[in-house]
Each structure stands twice: as structure tokens, then as C-alpha cells.
């Protein structure tokens, strides 16, 4: 499972960066959030030996075990939900992009 998550993280990061560079900030935001979920799941897996089955379980696990990661996800999750109905500007996309890159660096995720 860990190897699969790491491969998924690499692919999502590359795709998100490519779309971001093409200035499609809504699609990039969606991919950065998918990247975020995979990164968070990897962190949870390494700590707990299991991954959450859905967003609700991810939030609960993060809230209990990783409050700083929970705070990040909780603060920006509405941006992800908004992508269902509207476009995302560069500023909002940058918040997610830089936030997940910081988390990846702090947790030494390639």
C-alpha cells in the first residue's frame, strides 16, 4: 500500500504541476487536493498502519493524531468543494499548492 501511495503521489504532483503551469487553476486545484489526500493517507498509514476509507474518516484521524494537518485540511477543504460548481483562481490554487508542498517537505515525502 505504501509503495502504491508513493507512486500515486509522484504522478499526481507531476500532473498537478503541469496543469498549473498551463494556468488551468481549477483543474490544478482538484489535482493538488487529490495529491493532498494521498499524502495525508501516506502519513496516516506510516503512523497507524491503515488508511482512511473516506473523507470523514480522514478528518477524524487527522484531528486526533495530526491536529496541524487537520487544521490545514479543514481550513481549505471548502476550496475543493467549490471546484464542483465554480472556477478557482490562482491565489486559491497557490494556497493549496504551497501548503501541500510544505507538508511533503516536512514529512520527507518525495
N, C-alpha and C. Protein backbone atom coordinates (compact mmCIF):
# COMPACT_ATOMS: atom_id res chain seq x y z
N UNK A 1 0.82 -1.20 0.00
CA UNK A 1 0.00 0.00 0.00
C UNK A 1 0.86 1.26 0.00
N UNK A 2 1.94 1.27 0.80
CA UNK A 2 2.81 2.45 0.87
C UNK A 2 3.43 2.75 -0.49
N UNK A 3 3.93 1.71 -1.16
CA UNK A 3 4.55 1.90 -2.47
C UNK A 3 3.54 2.48 -3.48
N UNK A 4 2.32 1.97 -3.44
CA UNK A 4 1.28 2.46 -4.34
C UNK A 4 0.96 3.93 -4.07
N UNK A 5 0.89 4.30 -2.80
CA UNK A 5 0.63 5.70 -2.45
C UNK A 5 1.76 6.60 -2.94
N UNK A 6 2.99 6.16 -2.77
CA UNK A 6 4.14 6.97 -3.21
C UNK A 6 4.11 7.15 -4.72
N UNK A 7 3.82 6.10 -5.46
CA UNK A 7 3.72 6.21 -6.92
C UNK A 7 2.59 7.15 -7.32
N UNK A 8 1.47 7.04 -6.64
CA UNK A 8 0.33 7.91 -6.91
C UNK A 8 0.69 9.37 -6.62
N UNK A 9 1.41 9.59 -5.54
CA UNK A 9 1.84 10.94 -5.16
C UNK A 9 2.71 11.54 -6.26
N UNK A 10 3.66 10.78 -6.75
CA UNK A 10 4.56 11.27 -7.81
C UNK A 10 3.77 11.64 -9.07
N UNK A 11 2.83 10.78 -9.46
CA UNK A 11 2.04 11.05 -10.66
C UNK A 11 1.13 12.26 -10.48
N UNK A 12 0.47 12.33 -9.35
CA UNK A 12 -0.42 13.46 -9.10
C UNK A 12 0.34 14.78 -9.05
N UNK A 13 1.50 14.78 -8.41
CA UNK A 13 2.30 16.02 -8.32
C UNK A 13 2.72 16.48 -9.71
N UNK A 14 3.20 15.54 -10.52
CA UNK A 14 3.60 15.91 -11.89
C UNK A 14 2.45 16.43 -12.71
N UNK A 15 1.30 15.77 -12.62
CA UNK A 15 0.12 16.21 -13.38
C UNK A 15 -0.39 17.56 -12.88
N UNK A 16 -0.44 17.73 -11.56
CA UNK A 16 -0.93 19.00 -10.99
C UNK A 16 -0.02 20.15 -11.41
N UNK A 17 1.28 19.93 -11.35
CA UNK A 17 2.22 20.99 -11.75
C UNK A 17 2.09 21.34 -13.23
N UNK A 18 1.91 20.32 -14.05
CA UNK A 18 1.75 20.55 -15.50
C UNK A 18 0.50 21.38 -15.78
N UNK A 19 -0.60 21.02 -15.17
CA UNK A 19 -1.86 21.74 -15.37
C UNK A 19 -1.75 23.16 -14.80
N UNK A 20 -1.10 23.28 -13.65
CA UNK A 20 -0.88 24.60 -13.03
C UNK A 20 -0.10 25.49 -13.99
N UNK A 21 0.96 24.96 -14.56
CA UNK A 21 1.78 25.75 -15.49
C UNK A 21 1.02 26.15 -16.74
N UNK A 22 -0.05 25.42 -17.06
CA UNK A 22 -0.92 25.78 -18.19
C UNK A 22 -2.03 26.75 -17.77
N UNK A 23 -1.99 27.17 -16.52
CA UNK A 23 -2.89 28.18 -15.97
C UNK A 23 -4.35 27.72 -15.88
N UNK A 24 -4.56 26.42 -15.77
CA UNK A 24 -5.90 25.87 -15.51
C UNK A 24 -5.96 25.63 -14.00
N UNK A 25 -6.27 26.68 -13.26
CA UNK A 25 -6.16 26.64 -11.81
C UNK A 25 -7.25 25.80 -11.14
N UNK A 26 -8.40 25.67 -11.76
CA UNK A 26 -9.44 24.82 -11.20
C UNK A 26 -9.02 23.36 -11.26
N UNK A 27 -8.60 22.90 -12.43
CA UNK A 27 -8.15 21.51 -12.57
C UNK A 27 -6.92 21.25 -11.72
N UNK A 28 -6.01 22.21 -11.67
CA UNK A 28 -4.82 22.06 -10.84
C UNK A 28 -5.20 21.94 -9.37
N UNK A 29 -6.16 22.73 -8.93
CA UNK A 29 -6.61 22.67 -7.54
C UNK A 29 -7.17 21.29 -7.21
N UNK A 30 -7.97 20.76 -8.11
CA UNK A 30 -8.53 19.41 -7.90
C UNK A 30 -7.40 18.40 -7.75
N UNK A 31 -6.41 18.48 -8.63
CA UNK A 31 -5.29 17.53 -8.56
C UNK A 31 -4.44 17.76 -7.32
N UNK A 32 -4.23 19.01 -6.92
CA UNK A 32 -3.46 19.25 -5.70
C UNK A 32 -4.21 18.70 -4.48
N UNK A 33 -5.52 18.76 -4.50
CA UNK A 33 -6.27 18.16 -3.38
C UNK A 33 -6.17 16.64 -3.41
N UNK A 34 -6.25 16.04 -4.58
CA UNK A 34 -6.06 14.59 -4.67
C UNK A 34 -4.66 14.22 -4.17
N UNK A 35 -3.69 15.03 -4.54
CA UNK A 35 -2.33 14.85 -4.03
C UNK A 35 -2.32 14.97 -2.51
N UNK A 36 -2.99 15.97 -2.00
CA UNK A 36 -3.07 16.19 -0.56
C UNK A 36 -3.65 14.96 0.14
N UNK A 37 -4.74 14.43 -0.39
CA UNK A 37 -5.37 13.26 0.23
C UNK A 37 -4.41 12.07 0.24
N UNK A 38 -3.69 11.88 -0.86
CA UNK A 38 -2.73 10.76 -0.92
C UNK A 38 -1.59 10.97 0.07
N UNK A 39 -1.09 12.19 0.15
CA UNK A 39 -0.01 12.50 1.09
C UNK A 39 -0.48 12.26 2.53
N UNK A 40 -1.64 12.77 2.86
CA UNK A 40 -2.18 12.59 4.20
C UNK A 40 -2.41 11.12 4.51
N UNK A 41 -2.91 10.39 3.52
CA UNK A 41 -3.12 8.95 3.73
C UNK A 41 -1.80 8.22 3.96
N UNK A 42 -0.75 8.63 3.27
CA UNK A 42 0.57 8.03 3.49
C UNK A 42 1.07 8.32 4.90
N UNK A 43 0.89 9.55 5.34
CA UNK A 43 1.30 9.92 6.70
C UNK A 43 0.52 9.10 7.73
N UNK A 44 -0.77 8.96 7.52
CA UNK A 44 -1.60 8.17 8.42
C UNK A 44 -1.17 6.70 8.37
N UNK A 45 -0.95 6.18 7.19
CA UNK A 45 -0.53 4.78 7.04
C UNK A 45 0.75 4.51 7.81
N UNK A 46 1.73 5.41 7.67
CA UNK A 46 3.00 5.21 8.36
C UNK A 46 2.84 5.27 9.88
N UNK A 47 1.89 6.05 10.34
CA UNK A 47 1.68 6.21 11.78
C UNK A 47 0.76 5.13 12.36
N UNK A 48 -0.33 4.84 11.67
CA UNK A 48 -1.38 3.98 12.22
C UNK A 48 -1.42 2.58 11.60
N UNK A 49 -0.73 2.40 10.47
CA UNK A 49 -0.77 1.11 9.80
C UNK A 49 -2.02 0.86 8.99
N UNK A 50 -2.82 1.91 8.79
CA UNK A 50 -4.04 1.81 8.00
C UNK A 50 -4.33 3.15 7.33
N UNK A 51 -5.19 3.12 6.33
CA UNK A 51 -5.59 4.35 5.65
C UNK A 51 -7.09 4.55 5.84
N UNK A 52 -7.52 5.81 5.81
CA UNK A 52 -8.96 6.08 5.97
C UNK A 52 -9.74 5.61 4.75
N UNK A 53 -11.01 5.28 4.96
CA UNK A 53 -11.85 4.80 3.86
C UNK A 53 -12.56 5.93 3.13
N UNK A 54 -12.64 7.11 3.74
CA UNK A 54 -13.32 8.24 3.10
C UNK A 54 -12.87 9.55 3.75
N UNK A 55 -13.42 10.65 3.23
CA UNK A 55 -13.02 11.97 3.75
C UNK A 55 -13.34 12.12 5.23
N UNK A 56 -14.52 11.66 5.65
CA UNK A 56 -14.91 11.81 7.05
C UNK A 56 -13.93 11.10 7.98
N UNK A 57 -13.58 9.88 7.63
CA UNK A 57 -12.63 9.14 8.46
C UNK A 57 -11.25 9.81 8.45
N UNK A 58 -10.85 10.33 7.30
CA UNK A 58 -9.57 11.05 7.20
C UNK A 58 -9.58 12.25 8.16
N UNK A 59 -10.65 13.02 8.12
CA UNK A 59 -10.74 14.18 9.01
C UNK A 59 -10.63 13.76 10.48
N UNK A 60 -11.35 12.72 10.86
CA UNK A 60 -11.34 12.27 12.27
C UNK A 60 -9.95 11.77 12.69
N UNK A 61 -9.30 11.02 11.81
CA UNK A 61 -7.96 10.51 12.13
C UNK A 61 -6.96 11.65 12.26
N UNK A 62 -7.06 12.61 11.35
CA UNK A 62 -6.15 13.76 11.40
C UNK A 62 -6.40 14.61 12.64
N UNK A 63 -7.65 14.82 12.94
CA UNK A 63 -8.00 15.64 14.09
C UNK A 63 -7.40 15.05 15.38
N UNK A 64 -7.45 13.74 15.47
CA UNK A 64 -6.98 13.06 16.67
C UNK A 64 -5.45 12.94 16.71
N UNK A 65 -4.85 12.55 15.60
CA UNK A 65 -3.41 12.22 15.58
C UNK A 65 -2.51 13.33 15.05
N UNK A 66 -3.02 14.15 14.15
CA UNK A 66 -2.21 15.18 13.49
C UNK A 66 -2.98 16.49 13.42
N UNK A 67 -3.16 17.17 14.56
CA UNK A 67 -4.00 18.37 14.56
C UNK A 67 -3.55 19.47 13.59
N UNK A 68 -2.24 19.58 13.36
CA UNK A 68 -1.77 20.63 12.44
C UNK A 68 -2.17 20.30 11.00
N UNK A 69 -2.19 19.03 10.63
CA UNK A 69 -2.63 18.63 9.29
C UNK A 69 -4.15 18.74 9.17
N UNK A 70 -4.84 18.42 10.24
CA UNK A 70 -6.29 18.59 10.28
C UNK A 70 -6.65 20.05 10.05
N UNK A 71 -5.95 20.94 10.73
CA UNK A 71 -6.22 22.38 10.60
C UNK A 71 -6.05 22.84 9.15
N UNK A 72 -4.97 22.39 8.51
CA UNK A 72 -4.75 22.75 7.10
C UNK A 72 -5.91 22.26 6.23
N UNK A 73 -6.24 20.98 6.35
CA UNK A 73 -7.29 20.42 5.51
C UNK A 73 -8.64 21.06 5.79
N UNK A 74 -8.96 21.25 7.04
CA UNK A 74 -10.23 21.86 7.42
C UNK A 74 -10.34 23.30 6.90
N UNK A 75 -9.24 24.01 6.95
CA UNK A 75 -9.24 25.41 6.53
C UNK A 75 -9.51 25.56 5.03
N UNK A 76 -8.99 24.62 4.22
CA UNK A 76 -9.06 24.78 2.77
C UNK A 76 -10.02 23.82 2.06
N UNK A 77 -10.65 22.92 2.79
CA UNK A 77 -11.50 21.91 2.15
C UNK A 77 -12.63 22.54 1.35
N UNK A 78 -13.14 23.69 1.78
CA UNK A 78 -14.21 24.36 1.03
C UNK A 78 -13.76 24.74 -0.38
N UNK A 79 -12.49 25.06 -0.54
CA UNK A 79 -11.98 25.37 -1.89
C UNK A 79 -12.17 24.16 -2.79
N UNK A 80 -11.86 22.98 -2.26
CA UNK A 80 -12.04 21.75 -3.03
C UNK A 80 -13.52 21.54 -3.38
N UNK A 81 -14.39 21.70 -2.41
CA UNK A 81 -15.83 21.53 -2.68
C UNK A 81 -16.34 22.55 -3.69
N UNK A 82 -15.80 23.75 -3.64
CA UNK A 82 -16.22 24.79 -4.59
C UNK A 82 -15.87 24.44 -6.03
N UNK A 83 -14.85 23.59 -6.24
CA UNK A 83 -14.47 23.23 -7.61
C UNK A 83 -15.57 22.44 -8.31
N UNK A 84 -16.52 21.89 -7.56
CA UNK A 84 -17.63 21.17 -8.18
C UNK A 84 -18.53 22.10 -8.99
N UNK A 85 -18.60 23.38 -8.56
CA UNK A 85 -19.57 24.30 -9.17
C UNK A 85 -18.98 25.57 -9.76
N UNK A 86 -17.72 25.86 -9.47
CA UNK A 86 -17.18 27.13 -9.94
C UNK A 86 -15.69 26.99 -10.24
N UNK A 87 -15.16 28.03 -10.83
CA UNK A 87 -13.73 28.04 -11.15
C UNK A 87 -12.92 28.50 -9.94
N UNK A 88 -11.66 28.17 -9.96
CA UNK A 88 -10.75 28.53 -8.87
C UNK A 88 -9.71 29.49 -9.40
N UNK A 89 -9.44 30.53 -8.64
CA UNK A 89 -8.43 31.49 -9.08
C UNK A 89 -7.03 31.04 -8.66
N UNK A 90 -6.03 31.70 -9.21
CA UNK A 90 -4.64 31.34 -8.95
C UNK A 90 -4.30 31.46 -7.47
N UNK A 91 -4.79 32.48 -6.82
CA UNK A 91 -4.49 32.70 -5.40
C UNK A 91 -4.95 31.52 -4.54
N UNK A 92 -6.16 31.05 -4.78
CA UNK A 92 -6.67 29.90 -4.01
C UNK A 92 -5.88 28.64 -4.33
N UNK A 93 -5.58 28.45 -5.60
CA UNK A 93 -4.79 27.29 -6.00
C UNK A 93 -3.41 27.33 -5.34
N UNK A 94 -2.81 28.50 -5.30
CA UNK A 94 -1.48 28.65 -4.69
C UNK A 94 -1.49 28.28 -3.20
N UNK A 95 -2.57 28.58 -2.51
CA UNK A 95 -2.66 28.22 -1.08
C UNK A 95 -2.56 26.72 -0.91
N UNK A 96 -3.26 25.99 -1.76
CA UNK A 96 -3.25 24.53 -1.68
C UNK A 96 -1.89 23.99 -2.13
N UNK A 97 -1.43 24.49 -3.26
CA UNK A 97 -0.16 24.03 -3.83
C UNK A 97 0.98 24.19 -2.82
N UNK A 98 1.12 25.39 -2.29
CA UNK A 98 2.23 25.66 -1.37
C UNK A 98 2.04 24.92 -0.04
N UNK A 99 0.80 24.81 0.40
CA UNK A 99 0.53 24.10 1.65
C UNK A 99 0.91 22.63 1.56
N UNK A 100 0.52 21.97 0.48
CA UNK A 100 0.83 20.54 0.35
C UNK A 100 2.32 20.34 0.10
N UNK A 101 2.95 21.24 -0.62
CA UNK A 101 4.40 21.13 -0.82
C UNK A 101 5.15 21.27 0.50
N UNK A 102 4.66 22.13 1.36
CA UNK A 102 5.27 22.29 2.69
C UNK A 102 5.10 21.01 3.52
N UNK A 103 3.90 20.44 3.49
CA UNK A 103 3.64 19.21 4.22
C UNK A 103 4.54 18.09 3.70
N UNK A 104 4.67 18.00 2.38
CA UNK A 104 5.52 16.97 1.79
C UNK A 104 6.97 17.14 2.25
N UNK A 105 7.45 18.38 2.26
CA UNK A 105 8.83 18.64 2.70
C UNK A 105 9.01 18.29 4.17
N UNK A 106 8.08 18.70 5.00
CA UNK A 106 8.17 18.44 6.44
C UNK A 106 8.16 16.94 6.76
N UNK A 107 7.43 16.17 5.96
CA UNK A 107 7.32 14.74 6.21
C UNK A 107 8.23 13.91 5.29
N UNK A 108 9.10 14.62 4.56
CA UNK A 108 10.09 13.97 3.69
C UNK A 108 9.44 13.00 2.71
N UNK A 109 8.42 13.50 2.02
CA UNK A 109 7.73 12.70 1.02
C UNK A 109 8.21 13.17 -0.35
N UNK A 110 8.70 12.23 -1.16
CA UNK A 110 9.30 12.61 -2.46
C UNK A 110 8.29 13.22 -3.42
